[in-house]
């Protein structure tokens, strides 16, 4: 299942990267080659297009880094007694409901459906990812949110 999760994440990031690279090239071409003639002192189209091109280039570099991090996730089963870490598939119970999470260094918040099982990808930079990282099977932890103090229990680690 982990292999499918990582493949799905890689596909999503590659798709976003491809679309963004195309948009970035278009924005950059517009700035460098386009006819951006000012219509007056308040016309800032050229400046705004330059900002857009710069931001898109930065996001392209971030996505390339995300791809690299996702490709480096170890695909292995965690043995009994091991703590939650990068590449863990974790079942957490909260208010009587068990949900499955995949711990990744990036792509947090991505919802996947693998073989009919909903899986939420969480990064170690998220509050829940930070709280669950390093916990063991059967361990309980708390997470304070603006609405409430949540109590979770680690039901499975694989």
Foldseek 3Di string as FASTA:
>chain_A
DLVVVLVVVLVVLVVVLVVLVVVLVVLVCCLPPNDPDDPDPPRCVNVVSVVVSVVSVVVSVVSVVVNVQSVPQDQDADDAPFADDQQKWWWKDWPRDTAIEHEGQDPFQDWDQDPNHIYGYHYCPDQVNVFRGGDHAQDKTWGDDPVGIIIMGTHDID
